[in-house]
Amino acid sequence: MKYLFTTYCILFAAYFCKANDNDSLSLNAENNILFFKDPRVDVLQKIYSRKPAGPKKKLVRVQVFQATARDQVFDAKAKFSARFPGIATFITYASPNFKLRAGEFASKEEAFKFLMQMKSMFPASFVIEEKSDEEREDDKNKANTKNGTKGTKATTTKTATKPKPKTALKTN
């Protein structure tokens, strides 16, 4: 009799404990499953489902010079900065080449106008569209997680101290 009473009390207590547990699954009379989830899951879903504020913008620049020797690129940068002060310059290293790029133009048309002004001084220059720094980091992170290895090291140095011009400078 004691055994039967103890078993009945345990089953009765287990029934009430299960009814108070919010994280458990319970079956409804219509065979529907009711699931109680943690409210932090909603917060995580909002964080990871956010989309970027706007479309990612490509940078339009003019590649002024390219060489394998670092000193040659810095000499070209000095000549460029003397002739076109106020235009932002960027030195990029992607093994084995150093590249000197200039300007951050809103459109290719602006970049081509500036290119025509500087073509006599740097005849090998051309207009190039490149990814923004955020896009480059995103691509590098995706490649690292996909391959499990480090990507190619590319460094960029911004060497202008003056604000970026909205249009190309006119020279006399």
Protein backbone atom coordinates (compact mmCIF):
# COMPACT_ATOMS: atom_id res chain seq x y z
CA MET A 1 0.00 0.00 0.00
CA LYS A 2 2.85 2.37 0.84
CA TYR A 3 4.45 1.57 -2.51
CA LEU A 4 1.23 2.37 -4.42
CA PHE A 5 0.70 5.63 -2.53
CA THR A 6 4.33 6.75 -3.11
CA THR A 7 4.07 5.99 -6.82
CA TYR A 8 0.79 7.92 -7.07
CA CYS A 9 2.33 10.98 -5.30
CA ILE A 10 5.38 10.97 -7.58
CA LEU A 11 3.26 10.79 -10.74
CA PHE A 12 0.96 13.52 -9.45
CA ALA A 13 3.94 15.82 -8.64
CA ALA A 14 5.58 15.12 -12.01
CA TYR A 15 2.36 16.04 -13.80
CA PHE A 16 2.17 19.45 -12.09
CA CYS A 17 5.91 20.12 -12.55
CA LYS A 18 5.64 19.45 -16.26
CA ALA A 19 2.64 21.78 -16.56
CA ASN A 20 4.66 24.66 -15.08
CA ASP A 21 7.73 24.16 -17.32
CA ASN A 22 7.56 26.80 -20.12
CA ASP A 23 10.41 25.37 -22.19
CA SER A 24 8.80 22.02 -22.77
CA LEU A 25 6.62 20.75 -25.55
CA SER A 26 3.02 19.95 -24.78
CA LEU A 27 0.41 18.21 -26.86
CA ASN A 28 -2.96 19.79 -27.32
CA ALA A 29 -6.17 17.79 -27.54
CA GLU A 30 -6.15 18.30 -31.32
CA ASN A 31 -2.64 16.77 -31.70
CA ASN A 32 -1.02 20.18 -32.28
CA ILE A 33 2.42 20.86 -30.84
CA LEU A 34 2.85 24.01 -28.79
CA PHE A 35 6.44 25.24 -28.45
CA PHE A 36 7.60 27.93 -26.03
CA LYS A 37 10.79 29.58 -27.25
CA ASP A 38 13.24 31.81 -25.48
CA PRO A 39 12.62 35.53 -26.27
CA ARG A 40 16.35 36.01 -26.93
CA VAL A 41 15.90 34.01 -30.13
CA ASP A 42 13.80 36.88 -31.56
CA VAL A 43 16.56 39.35 -30.77
CA LEU A 44 19.14 37.18 -32.54
CA GLN A 45 16.87 36.80 -35.57
CA LYS A 46 16.55 40.59 -35.86
CA ILE A 47 20.31 41.08 -35.60
CA TYR A 48 21.19 38.51 -38.26
CA SER A 49 18.39 39.36 -40.67
CA ARG A 50 19.27 43.05 -41.00
CA LYS A 51 20.08 44.14 -44.49
CA PRO A 52 22.61 46.85 -45.36
CA ALA A 53 21.23 50.40 -45.38
CA GLY A 54 21.81 50.91 -49.09
CA PRO A 55 23.48 49.37 -52.10
CA LYS A 56 27.23 49.02 -51.80
CA LYS A 57 28.94 51.72 -53.78
CA LYS A 58 31.93 51.02 -55.99
CA LEU A 59 34.84 53.42 -55.86
CA VAL A 60 35.93 55.02 -59.12
CA ARG A 61 39.61 55.95 -59.15
CA VAL A 62 42.40 56.62 -61.60
CA GLN A 63 45.36 54.27 -61.48
CA VAL A 64 48.29 56.60 -61.97
CA PHE A 65 51.33 54.33 -61.72
CA GLN A 66 52.34 50.72 -61.06
CA ALA A 67 55.76 49.26 -60.29
CA THR A 68 57.43 46.44 -58.41
CA ALA A 69 59.78 48.85 -56.59
CA ARG A 70 58.30 50.76 -53.67
CA ASP A 71 60.60 53.77 -54.17
CA GLN A 72 59.43 54.27 -57.75
CA VAL A 73 55.80 54.43 -56.62
CA PHE A 74 56.58 56.94 -53.87
CA ASP A 75 58.52 59.08 -56.37
CA ALA A 76 55.53 59.02 -58.72
CA LYS A 77 53.27 59.95 -55.78
CA ALA A 78 55.48 62.95 -54.99
CA LYS A 79 55.33 64.12 -58.64
CA PHE A 80 51.57 63.60 -58.73
CA SER A 81 50.97 65.44 -55.43
CA ALA A 82 53.10 68.36 -56.59
CA ARG A 83 51.15 68.69 -59.82
CA PHE A 84 47.64 67.92 -58.38
CA PRO A 85 47.52 69.00 -54.73
CA GLY A 86 44.35 68.13 -52.85
CA ILE A 87 43.61 64.93 -54.77
CA ALA A 88 43.64 61.92 -52.46
CA THR A 89 46.24 59.30 -53.34
CA PHE A 90 46.25 55.63 -52.38
CA ILE A 91 49.17 53.23 -52.51
CA THR A 92 48.17 49.59 -52.65
CA TYR A 93 50.42 46.56 -52.45
CA ALA A 94 49.31 43.29 -54.04
CA SER A 95 52.33 41.05 -54.42
CA PRO A 96 54.54 41.80 -56.36
CA ASN A 97 53.15 45.18 -57.48
CA PHE A 98 52.74 48.55 -55.82
CA LYS A 99 49.92 50.62 -57.34
CA LEU A 100 49.33 54.34 -57.05
CA ARG A 101 45.68 55.30 -57.39
CA ALA A 102 44.15 58.75 -57.08
CA GLY A 103 40.77 60.33 -56.39
CA GLU A 104 37.41 59.08 -55.23
CA PHE A 105 35.08 60.06 -58.03
CA ALA A 106 31.30 59.83 -58.02
CA SER A 107 31.14 58.62 -61.62
CA LYS A 108 33.32 57.30 -64.41
CA GLU A 109 32.71 60.48 -66.42
CA GLU A 110 34.35 62.60 -63.71
CA ALA A 111 37.26 60.19 -63.54
CA PHE A 112 37.74 60.30 -67.33
CA LYS A 113 37.78 64.13 -67.27
CA PHE A 114 40.51 64.04 -64.64
CA LEU A 115 42.36 61.34 -66.58
CA MET A 116 42.53 63.59 -69.66
CA GLN A 117 44.12 66.33 -67.53
CA MET A 118 46.89 64.09 -66.22
CA LYS A 119 47.48 61.84 -69.26
CA SER A 120 50.44 63.94 -70.47
CA MET A 121 52.29 63.48 -67.18
CA PHE A 122 51.36 59.80 -66.61
CA PRO A 123 50.61 58.20 -70.00
CA ALA A 124 50.01 54.69 -68.63
CA SER A 125 47.20 55.81 -66.31
CA PHE A 126 43.63 54.52 -66.61
CA VAL A 127 40.25 54.60 -64.82
CA ILE A 128 39.42 51.71 -62.52
CA GLU A 129 36.41 50.70 -60.43
CA GLU A 130 37.30 48.96 -57.21
CA LYS A 131 35.47 47.61 -54.20
CA SER A 132 35.08 49.73 -51.10
CA ASP A 133 37.04 48.81 -47.97
CA GLU A 134 33.93 47.25 -46.35
CA GLU A 135 33.26 45.02 -49.37
CA ARG A 136 36.92 43.97 -49.47
CA GLU A 137 36.79 43.01 -45.77
CA ASP A 138 33.51 41.12 -46.27
CA ASP A 139 34.99 39.16 -49.19
CA LYS A 140 38.14 38.40 -47.20
CA ASN A 141 36.10 37.20 -44.21
CA LYS A 142 33.93 35.00 -46.43
CA ALA A 143 37.00 33.48 -48.07
CA ASN A 144 38.63 32.85 -44.69
CA THR A 145 35.57 31.11 -43.28
CA LYS A 146 35.02 29.09 -46.46
CA ASN A 147 38.63 27.91 -46.89
CA GLY A 148 39.74 28.10 -43.30
CA THR A 149 42.91 29.88 -44.44
CA LYS A 150 44.19 33.41 -44.60
CA GLY A 151 43.60 35.36 -47.80
CA THR A 152 46.12 37.29 -49.89
CA LYS A 153 47.51 40.21 -47.98
CA ALA A 154 46.74 43.54 -49.61
CA THR A 155 47.37 46.81 -47.83
CA THR A 156 46.17 50.28 -48.70
CA THR A 157 47.70 53.51 -47.50
CA LYS A 158 45.80 56.75 -47.86
CA THR A 159 48.28 59.57 -48.16
CA ALA A 160 46.17 62.69 -48.65
CA THR A 161 45.58 65.11 -45.82
CA LYS A 162 43.22 67.50 -47.57
CA PRO A 163 39.48 66.84 -48.00
CA LYS A 164 38.33 64.93 -51.06
CA PRO A 165 37.29 67.09 -54.02
CA LYS A 166 33.82 66.63 -55.45
CA THR A 167 34.98 67.37 -58.96
CA ALA A 168 38.26 67.14 -60.78
CA LEU A 169 40.64 70.07 -60.38
CA LYS A 170 41.26 72.24 -63.41
CA THR A 171 44.84 73.09 -64.18
CA ASN A 172 46.07 76.14 -66.04
